[in-house]
Protein backbone atom coordinates (compact mmCIF):
# COMPACT_ATOMS: atom_id res chain seq x y z
CA MET A 1 -33.74 28.08 52.23
CA LEU A 2 -33.85 24.44 51.22
CA THR A 3 -32.63 21.94 53.77
CA TRP A 4 -30.14 19.31 52.65
CA ILE A 5 -32.97 16.75 52.76
CA ASN A 6 -35.07 18.84 50.38
CA CYS A 7 -32.04 19.31 48.14
CA LEU A 8 -31.53 15.57 48.11
CA LYS A 9 -35.20 15.02 47.25
CA CYS A 10 -34.90 17.50 44.37
CA ALA A 11 -31.78 15.78 43.09
CA VAL A 12 -33.43 12.35 43.24
CA THR A 13 -36.49 13.70 41.41
CA ALA A 14 -34.30 15.29 38.73
CA LEU A 15 -32.37 12.04 38.22
CA SER A 16 -35.62 10.07 38.04
CA LEU A 17 -36.93 12.37 35.33
CA LEU A 18 -33.63 12.15 33.46
CA PHE A 19 -33.56 8.36 33.45
CA ALA A 20 -37.26 8.21 32.54
CA ALA A 21 -36.50 10.35 29.49
CA LEU A 22 -33.55 8.24 28.32
CA PRO A 23 -34.29 6.07 25.28
CA SER A 24 -34.51 2.31 25.68
CA THR A 25 -31.45 0.26 24.74
CA ALA A 26 -30.78 -3.37 23.85
CA ALA A 27 -30.02 -4.07 27.51
CA ASP A 28 -33.49 -2.83 28.52
CA PHE A 29 -35.40 -4.96 26.01
CA PHE A 30 -37.33 -7.94 27.39
CA PHE A 31 -36.19 -10.27 24.62
CA LYS A 32 -32.51 -11.19 24.53
CA ASP A 33 -29.99 -12.52 22.06
CA GLY A 34 -30.34 -16.31 21.94
CA ASP A 35 -34.00 -16.34 23.03
CA THR A 36 -36.52 -18.88 21.83
CA VAL A 37 -39.88 -17.16 22.27
CA VAL A 38 -43.23 -18.98 22.42
CA MET A 39 -46.32 -16.80 22.07
CA MET A 40 -49.37 -18.37 23.71
CA GLY A 41 -52.96 -17.20 23.45
CA ASP A 42 -56.36 -17.62 21.83
CA SER A 43 -57.66 -17.04 18.28
CA ILE A 44 -56.37 -13.46 18.28
CA THR A 45 -52.87 -14.88 18.73
CA GLU A 46 -53.46 -17.75 16.32
CA GLN A 47 -54.23 -15.25 13.56
CA HIS A 48 -50.47 -14.70 13.35
CA MET A 49 -50.79 -10.94 13.00
CA HIS A 50 -49.61 -9.18 16.15
CA SER A 51 -47.33 -12.12 16.97
CA SER A 52 -45.66 -11.88 13.55
CA TYR A 53 -45.41 -8.09 13.87
CA VAL A 54 -43.69 -8.47 17.26
CA GLU A 55 -41.34 -10.98 15.66
CA ALA A 56 -40.58 -8.79 12.64
CA TRP A 57 -39.97 -5.67 14.70
CA SER A 58 -37.69 -7.56 17.10
CA LEU A 59 -35.65 -9.22 14.36
CA THR A 60 -35.26 -6.10 12.24
CA ARG A 61 -34.20 -4.04 15.27
CA PHE A 62 -31.63 -6.66 16.24
CA PRO A 63 -30.65 -8.41 12.98
CA ALA A 64 -27.41 -9.75 14.47
CA TRP A 65 -29.24 -11.53 17.28
CA ASP A 66 -30.26 -15.18 17.18
CA MET A 67 -33.95 -15.12 18.17
CA LYS A 68 -36.58 -17.70 17.26
CA PHE A 69 -40.34 -17.14 17.56
CA LEU A 70 -43.11 -19.77 17.65
CA ASN A 71 -46.88 -19.18 17.90
CA VAL A 72 -49.06 -21.65 19.83
CA GLY A 73 -52.33 -19.70 19.88
CA ILE A 74 -55.55 -21.72 19.69
CA GLY A 75 -58.94 -20.31 18.71
CA GLY A 76 -61.46 -20.34 21.55
CA ASP A 77 -58.81 -20.97 24.19
CA GLY A 78 -58.50 -19.33 27.58
CA ALA A 79 -56.37 -19.52 30.71
CA PRO A 80 -57.67 -23.01 31.67
CA GLY A 81 -56.67 -24.38 28.27
CA GLY A 82 -53.30 -22.64 28.42
CA ASN A 83 -52.62 -24.14 31.83
CA ASN A 84 -53.66 -27.63 30.77
CA ARG A 85 -51.67 -27.65 27.52
CA PHE A 86 -48.49 -25.94 28.76
CA LYS A 87 -46.54 -29.20 28.91
CA ARG A 88 -47.65 -30.21 25.41
CA ASP A 89 -47.55 -26.87 23.60
CA VAL A 90 -44.78 -24.88 25.29
CA LEU A 91 -42.17 -27.09 26.90
CA PRO A 92 -41.23 -29.16 23.78
CA TYR A 93 -39.67 -26.04 22.20
CA ALA A 94 -37.47 -25.26 25.25
CA PRO A 95 -38.37 -21.55 25.28
CA THR A 96 -36.42 -19.02 27.29
CA ALA A 97 -39.27 -16.47 27.13
CA ILE A 98 -43.02 -16.62 26.53
CA THR A 99 -45.86 -14.17 26.07
CA VAL A 100 -49.21 -15.12 27.60
CA ASN A 101 -52.30 -13.42 26.16
CA PHE A 102 -55.55 -14.72 27.65
CA GLY A 103 -58.71 -13.10 28.96
CA MET A 104 -60.86 -12.45 25.90
CA ASN A 105 -62.64 -15.80 26.15
CA ASP A 106 -62.39 -15.87 29.95
CA ALA A 107 -64.05 -12.52 30.65
CA GLY A 108 -67.51 -12.87 32.10
CA GLY A 109 -66.73 -16.38 33.30
CA ASP A 110 -65.37 -17.68 36.59
CA TYR A 111 -62.82 -15.06 37.67
CA LYS A 112 -61.43 -17.17 40.50
CA HIS A 113 -60.81 -20.10 38.14
CA PHE A 114 -59.18 -17.72 35.66
CA MET A 115 -56.75 -16.55 38.33
CA THR A 116 -56.02 -20.11 39.45
CA CYS A 117 -55.17 -21.14 35.90
CA LEU A 118 -52.96 -18.10 35.31
CA GLN A 119 -51.05 -19.06 38.43
CA GLY A 120 -50.77 -22.60 37.08
CA ILE A 121 -49.11 -21.20 33.95
CA ALA A 122 -46.82 -19.07 36.13
CA ASP A 123 -45.79 -22.08 38.23
CA GLN A 124 -45.00 -24.17 35.16
CA ALA A 125 -42.99 -21.33 33.62
CA LYS A 126 -41.01 -20.90 36.84
CA GLY A 127 -40.31 -24.62 36.95
CA ALA A 128 -38.82 -24.45 33.46
CA ASN A 129 -36.95 -21.17 34.13
CA ILE A 130 -38.93 -19.29 31.47
CA ARG A 131 -39.34 -15.50 31.55
CA VAL A 132 -42.98 -14.44 31.14
CA ALA A 133 -44.52 -11.32 29.64
CA TRP A 134 -48.15 -11.24 30.81
CA CYS A 135 -50.31 -9.41 28.28
CA SER A 136 -53.81 -8.28 29.10
CA PRO A 137 -56.50 -8.72 26.41
CA GLN A 138 -57.21 -5.73 24.19
CA ALA A 139 -60.60 -4.01 24.27
CA CYS A 140 -63.53 -5.06 22.08
CA GLU A 141 -64.72 -2.64 19.43
CA ASN A 142 -68.45 -2.47 18.92
CA PRO A 143 -69.30 0.40 16.53
CA GLU A 144 -72.83 0.68 17.93
CA ASP A 145 -71.61 2.03 21.28
CA LYS A 146 -70.77 5.70 21.65
CA MET A 147 -67.91 4.96 24.03
CA ALA A 148 -66.09 1.64 24.14
CA MET A 149 -66.10 1.44 27.95
CA ALA A 150 -69.90 1.58 27.94
CA THR A 151 -70.19 -2.12 27.13
CA ALA A 152 -70.50 -4.79 29.77
CA GLY A 153 -68.01 -6.85 27.78
CA ASN A 154 -65.29 -4.23 28.07
CA ARG A 155 -66.01 -3.68 31.75
CA ASN A 156 -65.46 -7.42 32.25
CA LEU A 157 -62.30 -7.32 30.15
CA GLU A 158 -60.96 -4.52 32.34
CA LYS A 159 -61.57 -6.65 35.42
CA PHE A 160 -59.81 -9.65 33.91
CA SER A 161 -56.97 -7.43 32.71
CA GLU A 162 -56.45 -6.38 36.30
CA GLY A 163 -56.27 -10.07 37.17
CA VAL A 164 -53.43 -10.54 34.67
CA LYS A 165 -51.63 -7.60 36.31
CA GLN A 166 -52.07 -9.15 39.76
CA THR A 167 -50.67 -12.46 38.52
CA ALA A 168 -47.57 -10.73 37.16
CA ALA A 169 -47.07 -8.86 40.45
CA ALA A 170 -47.52 -12.04 42.49
CA ASN A 171 -44.78 -13.84 40.59
CA GLY A 172 -41.62 -11.90 41.21
CA ASN A 173 -42.75 -8.71 39.51
CA ALA A 174 -42.89 -10.46 36.15
CA LEU A 175 -43.52 -8.18 33.20
CA PHE A 176 -47.11 -6.99 32.81
CA ILE A 177 -48.25 -5.31 29.60
CA ASP A 178 -51.54 -3.43 29.60
CA GLN A 179 -53.06 -3.72 26.14
CA PHE A 180 -56.60 -2.92 27.25
CA HIS A 181 -56.35 0.77 28.13
CA PRO A 182 -54.13 1.91 25.21
CA TYR A 183 -56.46 0.09 22.80
CA ILE A 184 -59.64 1.54 24.25
CA ALA A 185 -58.09 5.02 24.23
CA VAL A 186 -57.56 4.81 20.46
CA ILE A 187 -61.11 3.52 19.92
CA ASP A 188 -62.58 6.43 21.88
CA LYS A 189 -60.33 8.92 20.13
CA ALA A 190 -61.85 7.89 16.80
CA ARG A 191 -65.50 7.77 17.93
CA PRO A 192 -66.33 11.51 17.72
CA GLU A 193 -65.51 11.55 14.00
CA ASN A 194 -67.65 8.53 13.20
CA PRO A 195 -69.37 6.39 15.87
CA LYS A 196 -69.42 3.45 13.45
CA ASN A 197 -65.70 3.66 12.75
CA ARG A 198 -63.91 0.40 13.59
CA VAL A 199 -60.32 1.60 13.80
CA GLY A 200 -58.88 -1.86 14.43
CA GLY A 201 -60.39 -3.45 11.33
CA GLY A 202 -61.51 -7.06 11.51
CA ASP A 203 -64.53 -7.73 13.70
CA GLN A 204 -65.59 -6.72 17.19
CA VAL A 205 -63.27 -9.22 18.89
CA HIS A 206 -60.63 -10.02 16.27
CA PRO A 207 -58.78 -6.92 15.03
CA GLY A 208 -57.42 -6.74 11.52
CA PRO A 209 -53.89 -5.48 10.67
CA PRO A 210 -54.45 -1.92 12.04
CA GLY A 211 -55.63 -3.13 15.46
CA GLN A 212 -53.11 -5.95 15.63
CA THR A 213 -50.34 -3.46 14.81
CA LEU A 214 -51.51 -1.37 17.75
CA MET A 215 -51.38 -4.53 19.88
CA ALA A 216 -47.84 -5.39 18.71
CA ALA A 217 -46.60 -1.84 19.31
CA THR A 218 -48.16 -1.80 22.79
CA ILE A 219 -46.55 -5.13 23.67
CA LEU A 220 -43.14 -4.02 22.43
CA LYS A 221 -43.32 -0.65 24.19
CA GLY A 222 -44.15 -2.55 27.38
CA MET A 223 -40.99 -4.57 26.78
CA ASN A 224 -38.84 -1.42 26.47
CA PHE A 225 -38.35 -1.87 22.76
CA PRO A 226 -35.74 0.64 21.50
CA ALA A 227 -37.13 3.02 18.88
CA LEU A 228 -33.72 3.92 17.43
CA VAL A 229 -32.97 2.37 14.05
CA ALA A 230 -30.01 4.61 13.16
CA SER A 231 -29.09 8.28 13.32
CA VAL A 232 -26.70 10.36 11.21
CA GLU A 233 -25.83 14.03 11.54
CA ILE A 234 -23.79 15.73 8.80
CA ASP A 235 -22.21 19.17 9.06
CA ALA A 236 -22.14 20.25 5.42
CA ALA A 237 -20.18 23.44 6.17
CA SER A 238 -17.26 21.60 7.78
CA ARG A 239 -17.70 18.48 5.61
CA LYS A 240 -17.74 16.25 8.68
CA VAL A 241 -19.91 13.55 10.22
CA ALA A 242 -21.04 15.23 13.43
CA GLN A 243 -22.67 12.10 14.83
CA ASN A 244 -23.58 8.55 13.84
CA LEU A 245 -25.54 6.19 16.08
CA ASN A 246 -26.15 2.49 15.39
CA CYS A 247 -24.58 2.79 11.95
CA ALA A 248 -21.26 3.31 10.18
CA VAL A 249 -20.68 6.21 7.77
CA GLU A 250 -17.81 6.24 5.27
CA GLY A 251 -16.59 8.26 2.30
CA LEU A 252 -18.34 11.55 3.02
CA THR A 253 -18.00 14.12 0.25
CA VAL A 254 -19.62 17.55 -0.08
CA ASN A 255 -19.40 18.96 -3.60
CA ALA A 256 -19.25 22.63 -4.54
CA ASP A 257 -22.81 22.42 -5.92
CA GLY A 258 -24.07 21.28 -2.51
CA LYS A 259 -24.44 17.57 -3.28
CA ILE A 260 -23.57 15.29 -0.35
CA GLU A 261 -22.59 11.63 -0.73
CA PHE A 262 -21.56 8.90 1.70
CA ARG A 263 -22.00 5.20 2.37
CA GLN A 264 -24.08 4.16 5.34
CA LYS A 265 -24.34 0.71 6.90
CA ASP A 266 -27.00 0.44 9.58
CA LYS A 267 -27.18 -2.04 12.43
CA ALA A 268 -30.98 -2.20 12.30
CA LEU A 269 -33.96 -1.89 9.99
CA PRO A 270 -37.28 -0.09 10.35
CA PHE A 271 -40.52 -2.07 10.10
CA PHE A 272 -44.23 -1.41 9.72
CA PRO A 273 -47.00 -3.76 8.46
CA GLU A 274 -48.13 -2.74 4.99
CA GLY A 275 -51.84 -3.25 5.64
CA ALA A 276 -51.98 -1.22 8.85
CA LYS A 277 -51.56 2.35 7.62
CA SER A 278 -55.11 3.39 8.55
CA ILE A 279 -54.19 3.23 12.26
CA LEU A 280 -51.69 6.06 11.73
CA LYS A 281 -54.55 8.55 11.60
CA TRP A 282 -55.14 7.89 15.29
CA VAL A 283 -51.70 7.00 16.64
CA PRO A 284 -48.28 7.61 14.97
CA ILE A 285 -46.97 4.08 15.48
CA LEU A 286 -44.72 4.06 12.42
CA GLU A 287 -42.53 6.94 13.61
CA GLU A 288 -42.87 6.11 17.31
CA MET A 289 -41.45 2.65 16.70
CA ASN A 290 -38.89 3.58 14.02
CA ASP A 291 -36.54 6.49 14.67
CA TYR A 292 -34.45 6.53 11.49
CA ARG A 293 -32.92 9.95 11.90
CA MET A 294 -31.02 12.17 9.47
CA LYS A 295 -29.89 15.70 10.28
CA VAL A 296 -27.88 17.93 7.95
CA THR A 297 -26.74 21.39 8.98
CA GLY A 298 -25.03 24.04 6.90
CA LEU A 299 -27.06 23.50 3.74
CA LYS A 300 -27.85 26.39 1.45
CA GLU A 301 -31.50 27.40 1.41
CA GLY A 302 -33.61 25.31 -0.93
CA ARG A 303 -34.99 21.79 -1.33
CA TYR A 304 -33.05 18.55 -1.51
CA GLU A 305 -33.89 14.99 -2.41
CA VAL A 306 -32.59 11.90 -0.62
CA ARG A 307 -31.49 8.96 -2.71
CA LEU A 308 -30.62 5.48 -1.46
CA GLY A 309 -28.81 3.28 -3.94
CA GLY A 310 -29.71 5.77 -6.65
CA VAL A 311 -33.44 5.65 -5.83
CA LYS A 312 -35.19 8.82 -4.68
CA VAL A 313 -36.93 8.09 -1.39
CA ALA A 314 -37.75 11.55 -0.01
CA GLU A 315 -37.52 15.31 -0.40
CA TYR A 316 -36.96 17.96 2.30
CA SER A 317 -36.07 21.60 2.68
CA ALA A 318 -32.77 22.79 4.15
CA ALA A 319 -34.69 23.95 7.22
CA GLU A 320 -36.27 20.50 7.68
CA PHE A 321 -32.86 18.85 7.37
CA ALA A 322 -31.39 21.26 9.92
CA ALA A 323 -34.11 20.29 12.41
CA GLY A 324 -33.70 16.60 11.64
CA VAL A 325 -36.05 14.28 9.74
CA ASN A 326 -37.28 10.75 10.33
CA LEU A 327 -36.71 8.80 7.13
CA ALA A 328 -38.58 5.68 8.28
CA PRO A 329 -41.86 6.29 6.37
CA ALA A 330 -39.94 7.12 3.19
CA VAL A 331 -37.44 4.23 3.21
CA LEU A 332 -40.19 1.69 3.97
CA THR A 333 -42.03 2.81 0.82
CA ILE A 334 -39.38 2.50 -1.88
CA GLY A 335 -35.71 1.70 -2.30
CA PRO A 336 -33.24 -0.92 -1.03
CA ILE A 337 -34.37 -0.81 2.62
CA ALA A 338 -38.00 -1.35 1.63
CA ASP A 339 -36.91 -4.28 -0.55
CA GLN A 340 -34.95 -5.89 2.28
CA VAL A 341 -37.77 -5.50 4.80
CA LYS A 342 -40.17 -7.14 2.34
CA ALA A 343 -37.77 -10.09 2.03
CA VAL A 344 -37.57 -10.40 5.83
CA TRP A 345 -41.35 -10.33 6.10
CA ALA A 346 -41.77 -12.99 3.40
CA ALA A 347 -39.33 -15.31 5.18
CA ILE A 348 -41.08 -14.81 8.53
CA ARG A 349 -44.46 -15.59 7.00
CA ALA A 350 -43.12 -18.71 5.27
CA LYS A 351 -41.72 -20.03 8.54
CA ASN A 352 -44.89 -19.26 10.50
CA SER A 353 -47.12 -20.81 7.85
CA TYR A 354 -45.11 -24.04 7.88
CA PHE A 355 -45.01 -24.29 11.66
CA HIS A 356 -48.72 -23.56 12.10
CA ASP A 357 -50.05 -25.70 9.25
CA LYS A 358 -47.59 -28.61 9.24
CA ILE A 359 -46.55 -28.89 12.87
CA PHE A 360 -48.81 -27.18 15.41
CA ARG A 361 -52.17 -27.74 13.71
CA GLY A 362 -50.97 -30.49 11.40
CA VAL A 363 -49.43 -32.72 14.06
CA MET A 364 -49.83 -31.60 17.67
CA LEU A 365 -53.53 -30.67 17.42
CA ALA A 366 -54.50 -33.29 14.84
CA GLY A 367 -56.87 -35.81 16.38
CA GLY A 368 -59.66 -38.21 15.73
CA VAL A 369 -59.07 -41.86 14.89
CA PRO A 370 -62.18 -43.90 14.04
CA GLU A 371 -62.85 -46.65 16.58
CA PHE A 372 -63.28 -49.30 13.88
CA MET A 373 -59.60 -48.90 12.89
CA GLU A 374 -58.67 -50.41 16.26
CA ILE A 375 -55.57 -48.28 16.64
CA THR A 376 -54.48 -47.73 20.22
CA HIS A 377 -53.86 -44.32 21.75
CA GLU A 378 -50.24 -45.33 22.33
CA THR A 379 -49.77 -46.10 18.64
CA VAL A 380 -51.25 -42.75 17.63
CA GLU A 381 -49.03 -40.85 20.06
CA ALA A 382 -45.91 -42.69 18.97
CA LYS A 383 -46.64 -41.83 15.34
CA ARG A 384 -47.43 -38.24 16.32
CA GLN A 385 -44.07 -37.84 18.05
CA ALA A 386 -42.22 -39.37 15.10
CA VAL A 387 -43.85 -37.00 12.59
CA PHE A 388 -43.36 -34.06 14.97
CA LYS A 389 -39.64 -34.78 15.16
CA GLU A 390 -39.41 -35.20 11.39
CA ARG A 391 -41.21 -31.94 10.58
CA MET A 392 -39.40 -29.97 13.26
CA GLY A 393 -36.25 -31.00 11.43
CA ARG A 394 -37.08 -28.45 8.75
CA MET A 395 -37.40 -25.53 11.16
CA PRO A 396 -33.63 -24.74 11.33
CA GLU A 397 -33.69 -24.24 7.55
CA LEU A 398 -36.62 -21.82 7.83
CA PHE A 399 -35.01 -19.89 10.68
CA ASP A 400 -31.81 -19.70 8.65
CA SER A 401 -33.76 -18.30 5.69
CA ILE A 402 -34.91 -15.44 7.93
CA ARG A 403 -31.37 -14.80 9.17
CA LYS A 404 -30.07 -14.54 5.61
CA THR A 405 -32.54 -11.76 4.83
CA LEU A 406 -31.30 -9.88 7.90
CA ILE A 407 -27.70 -9.51 6.71
CA MET A 408 -27.16 -5.77 6.70
CA GLN A 409 -25.95 -4.02 3.55
CA SER A 410 -24.33 -0.63 3.08
CA HIS A 411 -26.12 1.90 0.88
CA GLN A 412 -24.90 4.86 -1.12
CA VAL A 413 -26.68 7.91 0.27
CA GLU A 414 -27.03 11.07 -1.79
CA ILE A 415 -28.51 14.40 -0.71
CA VAL A 416 -28.99 16.32 -3.92
CA PRO A 417 -30.08 19.96 -4.31
CA ILE A 418 -33.13 20.35 -6.52
């Protein structure tokens, strides 16, 4: 017979498992409504791939939120550079949250100095009341090695990743996100098929869209990003909406021929980078990150097509509908949702291009005045600050352009028997 203590232990374990299985919600997510987020790192960050994917996923999942993202990655940088330039490259934007992604250029160097500089970043962030998500570097991908962990470079990266984790733990249990081990697991999963297969694209150090999508997804999962886009369940037999989550459903009709129609207005959008589909062979990021659920029970046996705004986006059997389908891959391919997501992505890229080219690189990092011009450092800095202020004046317009693309629209949904 179980003692009351054992019963209590069983109950606690059961509750722990229950809560662990519950989906993430807006309240769990690291980013919050009203956040200004600065993403700091090296050349992998400056490429504006995973940082833009994190931005796009966050904005499309919470289109009603006011969130602003800025990228201050610098090629060749490491923790010492990040510590030294924090006042110049982070504080002027008054961020409420930052991501720190160093280690790739630090690995193999002075570990103690690396840790000292990470702590310097932590101290400056605390002083400015900024929340920090500490991201470890991802693994390197050398196609010549049978297993990715076999390289000295990756063994060093693992050590420095552990240092990032220790820094997070030493600073009030700040958020730590392990990119290294999930990335290396995908590399090694692909190796048996083809040892020369570079699943991340790009080069050994700098992933292309597939690898950077894996990075973005890993970062967001570490932040408790909610996978739910929207969910609708229709009972065709009773002609009722059995359930709707994160969306509104109106005007449901079920015709005698089996055709179902209603209007649906979602509170979120799915997202997936167009150039990253090759990574899906190794990890199902698209559906893991975008749960756009539709379930229809009570349908007559046969096949049905789904139309959004009159455009066919998918086709399923009655049995598939009864089990529930994830429409995310289909609606991101064609139709009104795909069109809106493309508009969001274009606006994000326009904003990031302007900030990087005209402000961060164009003003803050611009240097070099010939000595013969006899211009003082003070004069240069005064002019720099004046141009910085002038060009930053355009940023509200660019942020507003993104917000306009995020205005949610209702769509006519049709489920039509074939």
